[in-house]
Amino acid sequence: MRINQNTALRGDKVTLVPYSSAHVPRYHEWMQSEELQRLTASEPLSLEQEYEMQRSWRDDADKCTFIVLDTERWSEQACGDEDCMVGDVNLFLTDPEDPTLGEIEIMIAEPSYRGRGFGKEATLMMMSYGVTELGITKFEAKIGQENEASICMFKKLNFKEVSVNSVFQEVTLRLDVTDQERQWLLEQTKHVKKKSYTEEKLPAGGLETDR
């Protein structure tokens, strides 16, 4: 999705930046992990396939992807994106007849960052972006039954379990964004600053853009 191709969202713990070709090698390295393949229901790809996937996700109108960076490290400017990456967060517009429904996914790939609130802030920031920029009014999250930490986090964000698929061993959780939920979400993310990704990274002198 090109709408976020020059958007950086800076929070307290995490900064969300658009997924570019510069991020692919580190992302590819993550996805060699059997644990992450299992938790994300993903098949391993070659590096070239990963680059093709990145280009596809950038151009597809029904996919919005941000790479999750460690704000503290990234704000030092001497640290390139690839050295600050901790995961990714995605929003998929899965129903062509209902563009207000978004399926949200969060992955904190770096084990040392799990259980420290990075996933929660990244998820809240993506939800706020979806509501304010993409017109999302309903969120769904499909999570493997063994991923208890992720299921627990989404439930703490007011998602409700609506179904269990025993074949795929997957739980579906849902949140309808009422006026009250929207107000709560915006309150939770009022500290987030929306920046120009290009301008944010210029001082580092290492920005790589996709053409």
N, C-alpha and C. Protein backbone atom coordinates (compact mmCIF):
# COMPACT_ATOMS: atom_id res chain seq x y z
N MET A 1 0.85 -1.19 0.00
CA MET A 1 0.00 0.00 0.00
C MET A 1 0.89 1.24 0.00
N ARG A 2 0.69 2.09 -1.00
CA ARG A 2 1.57 3.24 -1.14
C ARG A 2 1.19 4.43 -0.26
N ILE A 3 0.03 4.38 0.38
CA ILE A 3 -0.41 5.52 1.18
C ILE A 3 0.56 5.80 2.33
N ASN A 4 1.25 4.78 2.81
CA ASN A 4 2.15 4.98 3.95
C ASN A 4 3.62 4.95 3.55
N GLN A 5 3.93 5.11 2.25
CA GLN A 5 5.31 4.90 1.79
C GLN A 5 6.28 5.98 2.29
N ASN A 6 5.76 7.11 2.77
CA ASN A 6 6.66 8.12 3.34
C ASN A 6 6.21 8.52 4.75
N THR A 7 5.58 7.58 5.44
CA THR A 7 5.05 7.85 6.79
C THR A 7 5.86 7.14 7.85
N ALA A 8 6.30 7.89 8.84
CA ALA A 8 6.93 7.33 10.03
C ALA A 8 6.08 7.72 11.23
N LEU A 9 5.74 6.75 12.05
CA LEU A 9 4.96 6.99 13.26
C LEU A 9 5.85 6.72 14.46
N ARG A 10 6.14 7.78 15.22
CA ARG A 10 7.08 7.65 16.34
C ARG A 10 6.32 7.59 17.66
N GLY A 11 6.50 6.46 18.36
CA GLY A 11 5.92 6.29 19.68
C GLY A 11 7.01 6.29 20.74
N ASP A 12 6.65 5.94 21.97
CA ASP A 12 7.63 5.93 23.06
C ASP A 12 8.63 4.80 22.91
N LYS A 13 8.14 3.59 22.66
CA LYS A 13 9.01 2.43 22.54
C LYS A 13 9.34 2.10 21.09
N VAL A 14 8.34 2.25 20.21
CA VAL A 14 8.52 1.82 18.82
C VAL A 14 8.28 2.97 17.85
N THR A 15 8.94 2.86 16.71
CA THR A 15 8.67 3.73 15.56
C THR A 15 8.29 2.83 14.41
N LEU A 16 7.21 3.16 13.73
CA LEU A 16 6.76 2.39 12.57
C LEU A 16 7.20 3.10 11.30
N VAL A 17 7.85 2.36 10.40
CA VAL A 17 8.31 2.92 9.13
C VAL A 17 7.86 1.99 8.01
N PRO A 18 7.69 2.51 6.78
CA PRO A 18 7.25 1.67 5.67
C PRO A 18 8.29 0.60 5.34
N TYR A 19 7.80 -0.56 4.93
CA TYR A 19 8.65 -1.70 4.59
C TYR A 19 9.31 -1.44 3.24
N SER A 20 10.63 -1.25 3.24
CA SER A 20 11.37 -0.96 2.01
C SER A 20 12.35 -2.09 1.71
N SER A 21 12.99 -2.02 0.55
CA SER A 21 13.95 -3.06 0.17
C SER A 21 15.12 -3.14 1.14
N ALA A 22 15.44 -2.03 1.80
CA ALA A 22 16.55 -2.02 2.75
C ALA A 22 16.29 -2.94 3.95
N HIS A 23 15.01 -3.22 4.22
CA HIS A 23 14.65 -4.04 5.37
C HIS A 23 14.62 -5.53 5.04
N VAL A 24 14.63 -5.87 3.76
CA VAL A 24 14.39 -7.26 3.35
C VAL A 24 15.43 -8.25 3.89
N PRO A 25 16.75 -7.97 3.81
CA PRO A 25 17.71 -8.96 4.29
C PRO A 25 17.49 -9.36 5.75
N ARG A 26 17.23 -8.38 6.61
CA ARG A 26 17.01 -8.69 8.03
C ARG A 26 15.69 -9.46 8.20
N TYR A 27 14.67 -9.06 7.47
CA TYR A 27 13.37 -9.74 7.53
C TYR A 27 13.54 -11.19 7.08
N HIS A 28 14.29 -11.38 6.00
CA HIS A 28 14.53 -12.72 5.47
C HIS A 28 15.26 -13.57 6.52
N GLU A 29 16.20 -12.97 7.19
CA GLU A 29 16.94 -13.66 8.25
C GLU A 29 15.99 -14.12 9.35
N TRP A 30 15.07 -13.24 9.75
CA TRP A 30 14.09 -13.60 10.78
C TRP A 30 13.29 -14.83 10.37
N MET A 31 12.83 -14.81 9.10
CA MET A 31 11.88 -15.82 8.67
C MET A 31 12.51 -17.17 8.38
N GLN A 32 13.81 -17.31 8.63
CA GLN A 32 14.42 -18.64 8.60
C GLN A 32 14.16 -19.39 9.90
N SER A 33 13.66 -18.68 10.91
CA SER A 33 13.38 -19.27 12.21
C SER A 33 12.15 -20.18 12.12
N GLU A 34 12.30 -21.44 12.52
CA GLU A 34 11.16 -22.36 12.51
C GLU A 34 10.07 -21.90 13.47
N GLU A 35 10.48 -21.28 14.57
CA GLU A 35 9.50 -20.78 15.54
C GLU A 35 8.62 -19.70 14.92
N LEU A 36 9.25 -18.73 14.22
CA LEU A 36 8.47 -17.66 13.60
C LEU A 36 7.63 -18.20 12.44
N GLN A 37 8.15 -19.15 11.70
CA GLN A 37 7.36 -19.76 10.63
C GLN A 37 6.11 -20.40 11.21
N ARG A 38 6.27 -21.07 12.35
CA ARG A 38 5.13 -21.73 12.98
C ARG A 38 4.13 -20.72 13.53
N LEU A 39 4.64 -19.69 14.22
CA LEU A 39 3.76 -18.70 14.85
C LEU A 39 3.02 -17.84 13.82
N THR A 40 3.64 -17.63 12.65
CA THR A 40 3.03 -16.79 11.62
C THR A 40 2.42 -17.61 10.49
N ALA A 41 2.45 -18.93 10.61
CA ALA A 41 1.92 -19.82 9.57
C ALA A 41 2.52 -19.47 8.21
N SER A 42 3.84 -19.31 8.17
CA SER A 42 4.55 -18.89 6.96
C SER A 42 5.46 -19.99 6.45
N GLU A 43 5.66 -19.98 5.14
CA GLU A 43 6.62 -20.88 4.51
C GLU A 43 7.91 -20.11 4.25
N PRO A 44 9.07 -20.75 4.39
CA PRO A 44 10.33 -20.05 4.12
C PRO A 44 10.44 -19.67 2.64
N LEU A 45 10.94 -18.47 2.38
CA LEU A 45 11.12 -17.97 1.03
C LEU A 45 12.61 -17.74 0.77
N SER A 46 12.99 -17.75 -0.51
CA SER A 46 14.34 -17.36 -0.86
C SER A 46 14.47 -15.85 -0.71
N LEU A 47 15.68 -15.34 -0.69
CA LEU A 47 15.88 -13.90 -0.56
C LEU A 47 15.22 -13.16 -1.72
N GLU A 48 15.36 -13.68 -2.94
CA GLU A 48 14.75 -13.03 -4.10
C GLU A 48 13.22 -13.04 -3.99
N GLN A 49 12.65 -14.13 -3.51
CA GLN A 49 11.20 -14.18 -3.30
C GLN A 49 10.77 -13.16 -2.24
N GLU A 50 11.61 -12.96 -1.23
CA GLU A 50 11.30 -11.98 -0.19
C GLU A 50 11.29 -10.57 -0.76
N TYR A 51 12.23 -10.26 -1.66
CA TYR A 51 12.24 -8.96 -2.33
C TYR A 51 10.97 -8.79 -3.18
N GLU A 52 10.57 -9.84 -3.87
CA GLU A 52 9.34 -9.78 -4.68
C GLU A 52 8.12 -9.55 -3.80
N MET A 53 8.10 -10.20 -2.64
CA MET A 53 6.99 -10.03 -1.70
C MET A 53 6.94 -8.59 -1.19
N GLN A 54 8.10 -8.03 -0.88
CA GLN A 54 8.15 -6.64 -0.40
C GLN A 54 7.58 -5.69 -1.46
N ARG A 55 7.97 -5.88 -2.71
CA ARG A 55 7.46 -5.01 -3.78
C ARG A 55 5.95 -5.18 -3.94
N SER A 56 5.49 -6.42 -3.83
CA SER A 56 4.05 -6.69 -3.96
C SER A 56 3.27 -6.02 -2.84
N TRP A 57 3.76 -6.15 -1.61
CA TRP A 57 3.07 -5.56 -0.47
C TRP A 57 3.07 -4.04 -0.55
N ARG A 58 4.14 -3.47 -1.10
CA ARG A 58 4.19 -2.01 -1.26
C ARG A 58 3.13 -1.53 -2.24
N ASP A 59 2.92 -2.30 -3.31
CA ASP A 59 2.03 -1.86 -4.39
C ASP A 59 0.58 -2.27 -4.19
N ASP A 60 0.33 -3.36 -3.46
CA ASP A 60 -1.05 -3.84 -3.29
C ASP A 60 -1.89 -2.86 -2.47
N ALA A 61 -3.08 -2.57 -2.98
CA ALA A 61 -3.96 -1.60 -2.31
C ALA A 61 -4.63 -2.18 -1.06
N ASP A 62 -4.54 -3.49 -0.86
CA ASP A 62 -5.24 -4.11 0.27
C ASP A 62 -4.30 -4.55 1.39
N LYS A 63 -3.02 -4.09 1.35
CA LYS A 63 -2.07 -4.45 2.38
C LYS A 63 -1.32 -3.20 2.86
N CYS A 64 -1.30 -2.99 4.17
CA CYS A 64 -0.56 -1.88 4.76
C CYS A 64 0.44 -2.47 5.75
N THR A 65 1.72 -2.23 5.50
CA THR A 65 2.77 -2.84 6.30
C THR A 65 3.72 -1.78 6.85
N PHE A 66 4.06 -1.90 8.12
CA PHE A 66 5.10 -1.10 8.74
C PHE A 66 6.13 -2.03 9.38
N ILE A 67 7.38 -1.64 9.29
CA ILE A 67 8.44 -2.30 10.06
C ILE A 67 8.50 -1.63 11.43
N VAL A 68 8.65 -2.43 12.47
CA VAL A 68 8.71 -1.93 13.84
C VAL A 68 10.18 -1.74 14.23
N LEU A 69 10.52 -0.51 14.58
CA LEU A 69 11.88 -0.18 15.02
C LEU A 69 11.90 0.17 16.50
N ASP A 70 13.04 0.00 17.12
CA ASP A 70 13.27 0.45 18.49
C ASP A 70 13.49 1.97 18.45
N THR A 71 12.53 2.73 18.99
CA THR A 71 12.59 4.20 18.91
C THR A 71 13.88 4.75 19.49
N GLU A 72 14.27 4.25 20.65
CA GLU A 72 15.45 4.80 21.32
C GLU A 72 16.70 4.64 20.46
N ARG A 73 16.88 3.46 19.90
CA ARG A 73 18.06 3.22 19.06
C ARG A 73 17.98 4.01 17.74
N TRP A 74 16.79 4.01 17.14
CA TRP A 74 16.63 4.65 15.83
C TRP A 74 16.81 6.16 15.93
N SER A 75 16.38 6.75 17.03
CA SER A 75 16.45 8.20 17.17
C SER A 75 17.88 8.70 17.34
N GLU A 76 18.80 7.78 17.56
CA GLU A 76 20.21 8.19 17.65
C GLU A 76 20.77 8.61 16.30
N GLN A 77 20.03 8.29 15.21
CA GLN A 77 20.37 8.68 13.84
C GLN A 77 21.60 7.97 13.28
N ALA A 78 22.52 7.61 14.12
CA ALA A 78 23.70 6.88 13.63
C ALA A 78 23.34 5.42 13.36
N CYS A 79 22.18 5.00 13.85
CA CYS A 79 21.74 3.61 13.72
C CYS A 79 20.84 3.48 12.50
N GLY A 80 21.24 2.66 11.53
CA GLY A 80 20.41 2.41 10.36
C GLY A 80 19.19 1.58 10.73
N ASP A 81 18.16 1.66 9.88
CA ASP A 81 16.93 0.92 10.15
C ASP A 81 17.18 -0.55 10.46
N GLU A 82 18.02 -1.18 9.63
CA GLU A 82 18.20 -2.63 9.76
C GLU A 82 18.79 -3.02 11.11
N ASP A 83 19.49 -2.09 11.76
CA ASP A 83 20.07 -2.38 13.07
C ASP A 83 19.09 -2.12 14.22
N CYS A 84 17.94 -1.53 13.88
CA CYS A 84 16.95 -1.17 14.91
C CYS A 84 15.66 -1.97 14.77
N MET A 85 15.59 -2.87 13.77
CA MET A 85 14.37 -3.61 13.50
C MET A 85 14.07 -4.62 14.61
N VAL A 86 12.79 -4.64 15.03
CA VAL A 86 12.39 -5.63 16.04
C VAL A 86 11.22 -6.48 15.57
N GLY A 87 10.53 -6.07 14.49
CA GLY A 87 9.38 -6.84 14.02
C GLY A 87 8.63 -6.11 12.93
N ASP A 88 7.39 -6.52 12.69
CA ASP A 88 6.55 -5.83 11.72
C ASP A 88 5.10 -5.90 12.16
N VAL A 89 4.29 -5.01 11.59
CA VAL A 89 2.86 -4.98 11.88
C VAL A 89 2.13 -4.74 10.56
N ASN A 90 1.06 -5.51 10.35
CA ASN A 90 0.36 -5.48 9.06
C ASN A 90 -1.14 -5.30 9.25
N LEU A 91 -1.74 -4.67 8.25
CA LEU A 91 -3.19 -4.53 8.19
C LEU A 91 -3.63 -4.95 6.80
N PHE A 92 -4.48 -5.98 6.75
CA PHE A 92 -4.96 -6.51 5.48
C PHE A 92 -6.45 -6.19 5.32
N LEU A 93 -6.80 -5.63 4.17
CA LEU A 93 -8.21 -5.39 3.86
C LEU A 93 -8.71 -6.63 3.14
N THR A 94 -9.22 -7.58 3.91
CA THR A 94 -9.47 -8.93 3.41
C THR A 94 -10.82 -9.10 2.72
N ASP A 95 -11.75 -8.17 2.93
CA ASP A 95 -13.09 -8.30 2.37
C ASP A 95 -13.35 -7.19 1.36
N PRO A 96 -13.32 -7.50 0.05
CA PRO A 96 -13.54 -6.45 -0.96
C PRO A 96 -14.90 -5.79 -0.88
N GLU A 97 -15.84 -6.47 -0.24
CA GLU A 97 -17.18 -5.89 -0.10
C GLU A 97 -17.32 -5.05 1.16
N ASP A 98 -16.30 -5.10 2.02
CA ASP A 98 -16.33 -4.31 3.25
C ASP A 98 -14.94 -3.73 3.53
N PRO A 99 -14.64 -2.57 2.92
CA PRO A 99 -13.32 -1.96 3.10
C PRO A 99 -13.08 -1.40 4.50
N THR A 100 -14.08 -1.47 5.37
CA THR A 100 -13.91 -0.98 6.74
C THR A 100 -13.43 -2.08 7.68
N LEU A 101 -13.25 -3.31 7.16
CA LEU A 101 -12.77 -4.43 7.97
C LEU A 101 -11.28 -4.63 7.70
N GLY A 102 -10.48 -4.63 8.77
CA GLY A 102 -9.05 -4.84 8.64
C GLY A 102 -8.58 -6.01 9.49
N GLU A 103 -7.80 -6.90 8.90
CA GLU A 103 -7.19 -8.00 9.66
C GLU A 103 -5.80 -7.56 10.09
N ILE A 104 -5.53 -7.56 11.37
CA ILE A 104 -4.28 -7.03 11.89
C ILE A 104 -3.36 -8.16 12.35
N GLU A 105 -2.07 -8.01 12.06
CA GLU A 105 -1.06 -8.97 12.48
C GLU A 105 0.11 -8.21 13.09
N ILE A 106 0.68 -8.77 14.14
CA ILE A 106 1.87 -8.18 14.76
C ILE A 106 2.89 -9.29 14.99
N MET A 107 4.14 -9.00 14.67
CA MET A 107 5.22 -9.95 14.93
C MET A 107 6.39 -9.20 15.56
N ILE A 108 6.74 -9.58 16.78
CA ILE A 108 7.98 -9.11 17.39
C ILE A 108 8.98 -10.24 17.21
N ALA A 109 9.85 -10.06 16.21
CA ALA A 109 10.74 -11.14 15.79
C ALA A 109 11.95 -11.31 16.71
N GLU A 110 12.39 -10.20 17.30
CA GLU A 110 13.56 -10.25 18.16
C GLU A 110 13.14 -10.71 19.57
N PRO A 111 13.60 -11.88 19.99
CA PRO A 111 13.16 -12.44 21.29
C PRO A 111 13.38 -11.49 22.47
N SER A 112 14.46 -10.72 22.45
CA SER A 112 14.77 -9.85 23.60
C SER A 112 13.78 -8.71 23.76
N TYR A 113 12.94 -8.47 22.73
CA TYR A 113 11.97 -7.38 22.80
C TYR A 113 10.57 -7.86 23.16
N ARG A 114 10.39 -9.16 23.32
CA ARG A 114 9.07 -9.69 23.63
C ARG A 114 8.75 -9.51 25.12
N GLY A 115 7.47 -9.30 25.40
CA GLY A 115 7.04 -9.16 26.79
C GLY A 115 7.41 -7.84 27.42
N ARG A 116 7.76 -6.84 26.60
CA ARG A 116 8.20 -5.54 27.13
C ARG A 116 7.33 -4.38 26.64
N GLY A 117 6.20 -4.70 26.02
CA GLY A 117 5.27 -3.66 25.60
C GLY A 117 5.48 -3.13 24.20
N PHE A 118 6.47 -3.66 23.49
CA PHE A 118 6.73 -3.20 22.12
C PHE A 118 5.60 -3.63 21.18
N GLY A 119 5.15 -4.88 21.32
CA GLY A 119 4.07 -5.36 20.48
C GLY A 119 2.77 -4.63 20.74
N LYS A 120 2.50 -4.35 22.01
CA LYS A 120 1.27 -3.64 22.36
C LYS A 120 1.24 -2.25 21.76
N GLU A 121 2.35 -1.49 21.91
CA GLU A 121 2.35 -0.13 21.38
C GLU A 121 2.26 -0.14 19.86
N ALA A 122 2.99 -1.06 19.21
CA ALA A 122 2.95 -1.14 17.75
C ALA A 122 1.54 -1.46 17.26
N THR A 123 0.86 -2.36 17.96
CA THR A 123 -0.51 -2.74 17.57
C THR A 123 -1.46 -1.56 17.74
N LEU A 124 -1.37 -0.87 18.86
CA LEU A 124 -2.24 0.29 19.09
C LEU A 124 -1.98 1.38 18.04
N MET A 125 -0.72 1.59 17.69
CA MET A 125 -0.38 2.61 16.70
C MET A 125 -0.93 2.24 15.32
N MET A 126 -0.84 0.96 14.96
CA MET A 126 -1.38 0.53 13.68
C MET A 126 -2.90 0.62 13.67
N MET A 127 -3.54 0.28 14.77
CA MET A 127 -5.00 0.38 14.86
C MET A 127 -5.44 1.83 14.72
N SER A 128 -4.75 2.73 15.39
CA SER A 128 -5.07 4.15 15.30
C SER A 128 -4.90 4.66 13.87
N TYR A 129 -3.81 4.22 13.21
CA TYR A 129 -3.57 4.60 11.82
C TYR A 129 -4.69 4.06 10.92
N GLY A 130 -5.09 2.83 11.16
CA GLY A 130 -6.16 2.22 10.37
C GLY A 130 -7.47 2.97 10.52
N VAL A 131 -7.78 3.37 11.74
CA VAL A 131 -9.04 4.08 12.00
C VAL A 131 -9.02 5.48 11.40
N THR A 132 -7.91 6.22 11.60
CA THR A 132 -7.88 7.63 11.20
C THR A 132 -7.51 7.84 9.73
N GLU A 133 -6.70 6.94 9.17
CA GLU A 133 -6.21 7.13 7.80
C GLU A 133 -6.88 6.22 6.76
N LEU A 134 -7.35 5.06 7.19
CA LEU A 134 -7.88 4.08 6.24
C LEU A 134 -9.38 3.83 6.42
N GLY A 135 -9.99 4.44 7.42
CA GLY A 135 -11.43 4.29 7.61
C GLY A 135 -11.85 2.94 8.17
N ILE A 136 -10.95 2.27 8.89
CA ILE A 136 -11.28 0.97 9.47
C ILE A 136 -12.21 1.15 10.68
N THR A 137 -13.26 0.34 10.73
CA THR A 137 -14.18 0.37 11.87
C THR A 137 -14.30 -0.98 12.56
N LYS A 138 -13.67 -2.01 11.97
CA LYS A 138 -13.71 -3.36 12.56
C LYS A 138 -12.35 -4.01 12.35
N PHE A 139 -11.84 -4.61 13.41
CA PHE A 139 -10.56 -5.31 13.33
C PHE A 139 -10.75 -6.78 13.64
N GLU A 140 -9.99 -7.62 12.93
CA GLU A 140 -9.92 -9.04 13.25
C GLU A 140 -8.45 -9.43 13.41
N ALA A 141 -8.20 -10.38 14.27
CA ALA A 141 -6.86 -10.94 14.45
C ALA A 141 -6.99 -12.45 14.45
N LYS A 142 -6.24 -13.12 13.58
CA LYS A 142 -6.24 -14.58 13.51
C LYS A 142 -4.89 -15.07 14.03
N ILE A 143 -4.95 -15.83 15.11
CA ILE A 143 -3.73 -16.19 15.84
C ILE A 143 -3.71 -17.68 16.12
N GLY A 144 -2.54 -18.29 15.96
CA GLY A 144 -2.40 -19.71 16.28
C GLY A 144 -2.72 -19.97 17.74
N GLN A 145 -3.39 -21.08 18.00
CA GLN A 145 -3.85 -21.38 19.37
C GLN A 145 -2.69 -21.46 20.36
N GLU A 146 -1.51 -21.85 19.89
CA GLU A 146 -0.38 -21.99 20.81
C GLU A 146 0.24 -20.65 21.18
N ASN A 147 -0.10 -19.60 20.44
CA ASN A 147 0.48 -18.28 20.69
C ASN A 147 -0.32 -17.56 21.77
N GLU A 148 -0.21 -18.06 22.98
CA GLU A 148 -1.04 -17.56 24.08
C GLU A 148 -0.72 -16.11 24.42
N ALA A 149 0.55 -15.72 24.29
CA ALA A 149 0.94 -14.34 24.62
C ALA A 149 0.23 -13.35 23.71
N SER A 150 0.16 -13.65 22.41
CA SER A 150 -0.49 -12.76 21.46
C SER A 150 -2.00 -12.71 21.68
N ILE A 151 -2.60 -13.87 21.94
CA ILE A 151 -4.04 -13.91 22.21
C ILE A 151 -4.36 -13.08 23.44
N CYS A 152 -3.57 -13.22 24.48
CA CYS A 152 -3.77 -12.46 25.72
C CYS A 152 -3.64 -10.96 25.47
N MET A 153 -2.65 -10.55 24.67
CA MET A 153 -2.45 -9.13 24.39
C MET A 153 -3.67 -8.54 23.68
N PHE A 154 -4.17 -9.24 22.66
CA PHE A 154 -5.32 -8.71 21.92
C PHE A 154 -6.57 -8.64 22.81
N LYS A 155 -6.72 -9.60 23.70
CA LYS A 155 -7.87 -9.55 24.61
C LYS A 155 -7.76 -8.36 25.56
N LYS A 156 -6.53 -8.01 25.95
CA LYS A 156 -6.34 -6.83 26.80
C LYS A 156 -6.65 -5.54 26.04
N LEU A 157 -6.60 -5.61 24.70
CA LEU A 157 -6.95 -4.45 23.87
C LEU A 157 -8.42 -4.47 23.48
N ASN A 158 -9.22 -5.24 24.22
CA ASN A 158 -10.68 -5.30 24.09
C ASN A 158 -11.18 -6.15 22.93
N PHE A 159 -10.30 -6.94 22.31
CA PHE A 159 -10.75 -7.89 21.29
C PHE A 159 -11.49 -9.04 21.99
N LYS A 160 -12.50 -9.56 21.30
CA LYS A 160 -13.27 -10.69 21.81
C LYS A 160 -13.08 -11.90 20.90
N GLU A 161 -12.94 -13.06 21.50
CA GLU A 161 -12.82 -14.29 20.72
C GLU A 161 -14.16 -14.62 20.07
N VAL A 162 -14.15 -14.81 18.75
CA VAL A 162 -15.41 -15.07 18.04
C VAL A 162 -15.46 -16.46 17.43
N SER A 163 -14.31 -17.09 17.18
CA SER A 163 -14.34 -18.44 16.62
C SER A 163 -12.99 -19.13 16.81
N VAL A 164 -13.03 -20.46 16.72
CA VAL A 164 -11.83 -21.28 16.79
C VAL A 164 -11.88 -22.26 15.62
N ASN A 165 -10.81 -22.27 14.83
CA ASN A 165 -10.71 -23.21 13.71
C ASN A 165 -9.80 -24.35 14.13
N SER A 166 -10.40 -25.50 14.41
CA SER A 166 -9.63 -26.63 14.92
C SER A 166 -8.73 -27.24 13.84
N VAL A 167 -9.11 -27.07 12.57
CA VAL A 167 -8.31 -27.61 11.47
C VAL A 167 -6.98 -26.86 11.38
N PHE A 168 -7.07 -25.53 11.37
CA PHE A 168 -5.87 -24.70 11.28
C PHE A 168 -5.31 -24.34 12.66
N GLN A 169 -5.99 -24.79 13.72
CA GLN A 169 -5.59 -24.49 15.10
C GLN A 169 -5.40 -22.98 15.27
N GLU A 170 -6.45 -22.25 14.92
CA GLU A 170 -6.38 -20.80 14.86
C GLU A 170 -7.59 -20.18 15.57
N VAL A 171 -7.30 -19.13 16.31
CA VAL A 171 -8.35 -18.39 17.02
C VAL A 171 -8.58 -17.06 16.30
N THR A 172 -9.84 -16.70 16.09
CA THR A 172 -10.17 -15.40 15.51
C THR A 172 -10.75 -14.50 16.59
N LEU A 173 -10.14 -13.32 16.74
CA LEU A 173 -10.63 -12.32 17.69
C LEU A 173 -11.09 -11.10 16.91
N ARG A 174 -12.03 -10.35 17.47
CA ARG A 174 -12.63 -9.23 16.74
C ARG A 174 -12.87 -8.05 17.67
N LEU A 175 -12.74 -6.87 17.09
CA LEU A 175 -13.05 -5.63 17.81
C LEU A 175 -13.84 -4.71 16.89
N ASP A 176 -15.04 -4.34 17.31
CA ASP A 176 -15.81 -3.34 16.60
C ASP A 176 -15.50 -1.98 17.21
N VAL A 177 -15.10 -1.03 16.37
CA VAL A 177 -14.66 0.27 16.86
C VAL A 177 -15.88 1.19 17.03
N THR A 178 -16.47 1.14 18.23
CA THR A 178 -17.55 2.05 18.57
C THR A 178 -16.96 3.43 18.85
N ASP A 179 -17.81 4.41 19.05
CA ASP A 179 -17.32 5.75 19.39
C ASP A 179 -16.47 5.71 20.65
N GLN A 180 -16.92 4.89 21.61
CA GLN A 180 -16.18 4.76 22.87
C GLN A 180 -14.82 4.12 22.64
N GLU A 181 -14.77 3.06 21.81
CA GLU A 181 -13.50 2.39 21.50
C GLU A 181 -12.58 3.33 20.74
N ARG A 182 -13.13 4.10 19.81
CA ARG A 182 -12.31 5.04 19.04
C ARG A 182 -11.68 6.08 19.96
N GLN A 183 -12.48 6.61 20.88
CA GLN A 183 -11.97 7.61 21.82
C GLN A 183 -10.86 7.02 22.68
N TRP A 184 -11.06 5.78 23.15
CA TRP A 184 -10.05 5.10 23.96
C TRP A 184 -8.77 4.88 23.16
N LEU A 185 -8.92 4.46 21.92
CA LEU A 185 -7.76 4.18 21.06
C LEU A 185 -6.95 5.45 20.80
N LEU A 186 -7.64 6.53 20.49
CA LEU A 186 -6.95 7.79 20.22
C LEU A 186 -6.27 8.33 21.48
N GLU A 187 -6.88 8.07 22.62
CA GLU A 187 -6.27 8.48 23.89
C GLU A 187 -4.98 7.69 24.14
N GLN A 188 -5.02 6.39 23.82
CA GLN A 188 -3.85 5.54 24.02
C GLN A 188 -2.68 5.90 23.11
N THR A 189 -2.98 6.57 21.99
CA THR A 189 -1.94 6.86 21.00
C THR A 189 -1.74 8.37 20.78
N LYS A 190 -2.19 9.18 21.73
CA LYS A 190 -2.09 10.63 21.55
C LYS A 190 -0.64 11.11 21.58
N HIS A 191 0.27 10.27 22.11
CA HIS A 191 1.69 10.64 22.18
C HIS A 191 2.41 10.40 20.86
N VAL A 192 1.78 9.70 19.93
CA VAL A 192 2.44 9.30 18.68
C VAL A 192 2.57 10.49 17.74
N LYS A 193 3.75 10.65 17.17
CA LYS A 193 4.02 11.73 16.23
C LYS A 193 4.12 11.17 14.82
N LYS A 194 3.34 11.76 13.90
CA LYS A 194 3.40 11.35 12.50
C LYS A 194 4.42 12.22 11.79
N LYS A 195 5.43 11.58 11.17
CA LYS A 195 6.53 12.30 10.56
C LYS A 195 6.69 11.89 9.10
N SER A 196 7.49 12.68 8.37
CA SER A 196 7.92 12.27 7.03
C SER A 196 9.10 11.32 7.20
N TYR A 197 8.96 10.11 6.68
CA TYR A 197 10.03 9.11 6.82
C TYR A 197 11.32 9.61 6.15
N THR A 198 11.19 10.21 4.98
CA THR A 198 12.36 10.71 4.26
C THR A 198 13.10 11.76 5.08
N GLU A 199 12.36 12.71 5.62
CA GLU A 199 12.98 13.79 6.39
C GLU A 199 13.58 13.26 7.69
N GLU A 200 12.93 12.27 8.29
CA GLU A 200 13.44 11.71 9.54
C GLU A 200 14.79 11.04 9.35
N LYS A 201 15.00 10.42 8.20
CA LYS A 201 16.22 9.64 8.00
C LYS A 201 17.32 10.39 7.26
N LEU A 202 17.04 11.56 6.73
CA LEU A 202 18.06 12.28 5.96
C LEU A 202 19.35 12.52 6.74
N PRO A 203 19.30 12.93 8.02
CA PRO A 203 20.55 13.21 8.73
C PRO A 203 21.49 12.02 8.81
N ALA A 204 20.92 10.80 8.76
CA ALA A 204 21.75 9.61 8.87
C ALA A 204 22.53 9.36 7.59
N GLY A 205 22.05 9.90 6.48
CA GLY A 205 22.76 9.78 5.23
C GLY A 205 22.70 8.40 4.62
N GLY A 206 21.83 7.55 5.17
CA GLY A 206 21.82 6.19 4.65
C GLY A 206 20.45 5.75 4.16
N LEU A 207 19.60 6.69 3.81
CA LEU A 207 18.25 6.33 3.41
C LEU A 207 18.27 5.66 2.06
N GLU A 208 17.56 4.55 1.97
CA GLU A 208 17.40 3.87 0.68
C GLU A 208 15.94 3.90 0.32
N THR A 209 15.62 4.38 -0.86
CA THR A 209 14.23 4.49 -1.27
C THR A 209 13.96 3.50 -2.39
N ASP A 210 12.70 3.13 -2.53
CA ASP A 210 12.27 2.24 -3.61
C ASP A 210 11.77 3.10 -4.77
N ARG A 211 12.05 2.68 -5.96
CA ARG A 211 11.59 3.42 -7.14
C ARG A 211 10.62 2.56 -7.92
